[in-house]
Amino acid sequence: MKTIFVMMKCELGRAYDVADAAVMKVEEVSEVYSTSGQYDLLMKCYLPENADIGRFVTEKLQTLPGVKDTFTIIAFKAFSDGASV
């Protein structure tokens, strides 16, 4: 599995709608967080190893109603001490 994080800018007043749509309609979306700062949302997505990240982002995420812009981060390795927060 590939893990990516996608930061999103949304149209004014649409962040919660975009978050709901992402969780309900895009099965690869694991978690969505509202954030402060330059971007409105942070999404954690799990993709199959052979997935085309660019195609996933442009066709499944950027086309959600209310999305203005995205910034994608590809994760290489997760580090954890095993403790839950």
C-alpha atoms as a PDB file:
ATOM      1  CA  MET A   1       0.000   0.000   0.000  1.00  0.00           C
ATOM      2  CA  LYS A   2       1.064   3.577  -0.707  1.00  0.00           C
ATOM      3  CA  THR A   3       0.179   6.273   1.800  1.00  0.00           C
ATOM      4  CA  ILE A   4      -0.389   9.822   0.636  1.00  0.00           C
ATOM      5  CA  PHE A   5      -1.566  12.957   2.391  1.00  0.00           C
ATOM      6  CA  VAL A   6      -3.551  15.497   0.413  1.00  0.00           C
ATOM      7  CA  MET A   7      -4.015  19.045   1.657  1.00  0.00           C
ATOM      8  CA  MET A   8      -7.044  20.836   0.199  1.00  0.00           C
ATOM      9  CA  LYS A   9      -8.216  24.381  -0.219  1.00  0.00           C
ATOM     10  CA  CYS A  10     -11.993  24.575  -0.450  1.00  0.00           C
ATOM     11  CA  GLU A  11     -14.457  27.174  -1.651  1.00  0.00           C
ATOM     12  CA  LEU A  12     -15.609  29.405   1.194  1.00  0.00           C
ATOM     13  CA  GLY A  13     -18.047  27.585   3.448  1.00  0.00           C
ATOM     14  CA  ARG A  14     -17.595  24.221   1.702  1.00  0.00           C
ATOM     15  CA  ALA A  15     -14.884  22.467   3.777  1.00  0.00           C
ATOM     16  CA  TYR A  16     -17.312  20.287   5.738  1.00  0.00           C
ATOM     17  CA  ASP A  17     -19.184  19.340   2.550  1.00  0.00           C
ATOM     18  CA  VAL A  18     -15.917  18.361   0.864  1.00  0.00           C
ATOM     19  CA  ALA A  19     -14.818  16.338   3.915  1.00  0.00           C
ATOM     20  CA  ASP A  20     -18.143  14.483   4.042  1.00  0.00           C
ATOM     21  CA  ALA A  21     -18.055  13.734   0.317  1.00  0.00           C
ATOM     22  CA  ALA A  22     -14.465  12.462   0.475  1.00  0.00           C
ATOM     23  CA  VAL A  23     -15.210  10.069   3.335  1.00  0.00           C
ATOM     24  CA  MET A  24     -18.466   8.820   1.816  1.00  0.00           C
ATOM     25  CA  LYS A  25     -17.518   8.582  -1.877  1.00  0.00           C
ATOM     26  CA  VAL A  26     -13.773   7.860  -2.074  1.00  0.00           C
ATOM     27  CA  GLU A  27     -12.917   4.486  -0.544  1.00  0.00           C
ATOM     28  CA  GLU A  28      -9.173   5.204  -0.516  1.00  0.00           C
ATOM     29  CA  VAL A  29      -9.696   8.098   1.917  1.00  0.00           C
ATOM     30  CA  SER A  30      -8.936   6.876   5.432  1.00  0.00           C
ATOM     31  CA  GLU A  31      -9.169  10.058   7.498  1.00  0.00           C
ATOM     32  CA  VAL A  32      -9.986  13.722   6.968  1.00  0.00           C
ATOM     33  CA  TYR A  33      -8.980  16.520   9.343  1.00  0.00           C
ATOM     34  CA  SER A  34      -9.984  20.166   9.300  1.00  0.00           C
ATOM     35  CA  THR A  35      -6.906  22.353   9.658  1.00  0.00           C
ATOM     36  CA  SER A  36      -5.940  25.960  10.187  1.00  0.00           C
ATOM     37  CA  GLY A  37      -3.593  27.862   7.931  1.00  0.00           C
ATOM     38  CA  GLN A  38      -3.187  27.857   4.182  1.00  0.00           C
ATOM     39  CA  TYR A  39      -5.249  24.684   3.603  1.00  0.00           C
ATOM     40  CA  ASP A  40      -8.681  23.750   4.946  1.00  0.00           C
ATOM     41  CA  LEU A  41      -8.450  19.947   5.013  1.00  0.00           C
ATOM     42  CA  LEU A  42      -5.831  17.211   5.378  1.00  0.00           C
ATOM     43  CA  MET A  43      -6.713  13.786   3.960  1.00  0.00           C
ATOM     44  CA  LYS A  44      -4.895  10.532   4.575  1.00  0.00           C
ATOM     45  CA  CYS A  45      -5.299   8.084   1.709  1.00  0.00           C
ATOM     46  CA  TYR A  46      -4.162   4.499   1.155  1.00  0.00           C
ATOM     47  CA  LEU A  47      -3.599   3.457  -2.457  1.00  0.00           C
ATOM     48  CA  PRO A  48      -2.614   0.121  -3.994  1.00  0.00           C
ATOM     49  CA  GLU A  49       1.092  -0.151  -4.884  1.00  0.00           C
ATOM     50  CA  ASN A  50       0.355   0.037  -8.620  1.00  0.00           C
ATOM     51  CA  ALA A  51      -1.947   3.077  -8.318  1.00  0.00           C
ATOM     52  CA  ASP A  52      -1.267   6.196 -10.351  1.00  0.00           C
ATOM     53  CA  ILE A  53      -1.187   8.896  -7.656  1.00  0.00           C
ATOM     54  CA  GLY A  54      -1.636  11.754 -10.098  1.00  0.00           C
ATOM     55  CA  ARG A  55      -4.676  10.174 -11.699  1.00  0.00           C
ATOM     56  CA  PHE A  56      -6.185   9.399  -8.258  1.00  0.00           C
ATOM     57  CA  VAL A  57      -5.768  12.980  -7.055  1.00  0.00           C
ATOM     58  CA  THR A  58      -6.942  14.656 -10.253  1.00  0.00           C
ATOM     59  CA  GLU A  59      -9.865  12.338 -10.992  1.00  0.00           C
ATOM     60  CA  LYS A  60     -11.175  11.384  -7.542  1.00  0.00           C
ATOM     61  CA  LEU A  61     -10.232  14.233  -5.210  1.00  0.00           C
ATOM     62  CA  GLN A  62      -9.917  17.410  -7.269  1.00  0.00           C
ATOM     63  CA  THR A  63     -13.304  16.721  -8.864  1.00  0.00           C
ATOM     64  CA  LEU A  64     -15.183  16.718  -5.542  1.00  0.00           C
ATOM     65  CA  PRO A  65     -17.585  19.682  -5.494  1.00  0.00           C
ATOM     66  CA  GLY A  66     -16.105  22.607  -3.556  1.00  0.00           C
ATOM     67  CA  VAL A  67     -12.396  21.776  -4.024  1.00  0.00           C
ATOM     68  CA  LYS A  68     -10.265  24.723  -5.205  1.00  0.00           C
ATOM     69  CA  ASP A  69      -6.695  23.415  -4.883  1.00  0.00           C
ATOM     70  CA  THR A  70      -4.678  20.448  -3.611  1.00  0.00           C
ATOM     71  CA  PHE A  71      -1.145  19.754  -2.413  1.00  0.00           C
ATOM     72  CA  THR A  72      -0.047  16.108  -2.296  1.00  0.00           C
ATOM     73  CA  ILE A  73       2.591  14.597  -0.007  1.00  0.00           C
ATOM     74  CA  ILE A  74       3.846  11.042  -0.599  1.00  0.00           C
ATOM     75  CA  ALA A  75       4.774   9.174   2.592  1.00  0.00           C
ATOM     76  CA  PHE A  76       7.683   6.723   2.554  1.00  0.00           C
ATOM     77  CA  LYS A  77       7.686   5.103   6.001  1.00  0.00           C
ATOM     78  CA  ALA A  78       5.503   5.317   9.107  1.00  0.00           C
ATOM     79  CA  PHE A  79       7.205   5.424  12.508  1.00  0.00           C
ATOM     80  CA  SER A  80       5.343   4.427  15.651  1.00  0.00           C
ATOM     81  CA  ASP A  81       6.116   3.342  19.189  1.00  0.00           C
ATOM     82  CA  GLY A  82       2.983   1.184  19.208  1.00  0.00           C
ATOM     83  CA  ALA A  83       1.199   3.334  21.792  1.00  0.00           C
ATOM     84  CA  SER A  84      -2.217   4.645  20.863  1.00  0.00           C
ATOM     85  CA  VAL A  85      -3.017   8.300  21.383  1.00  0.00           C
END
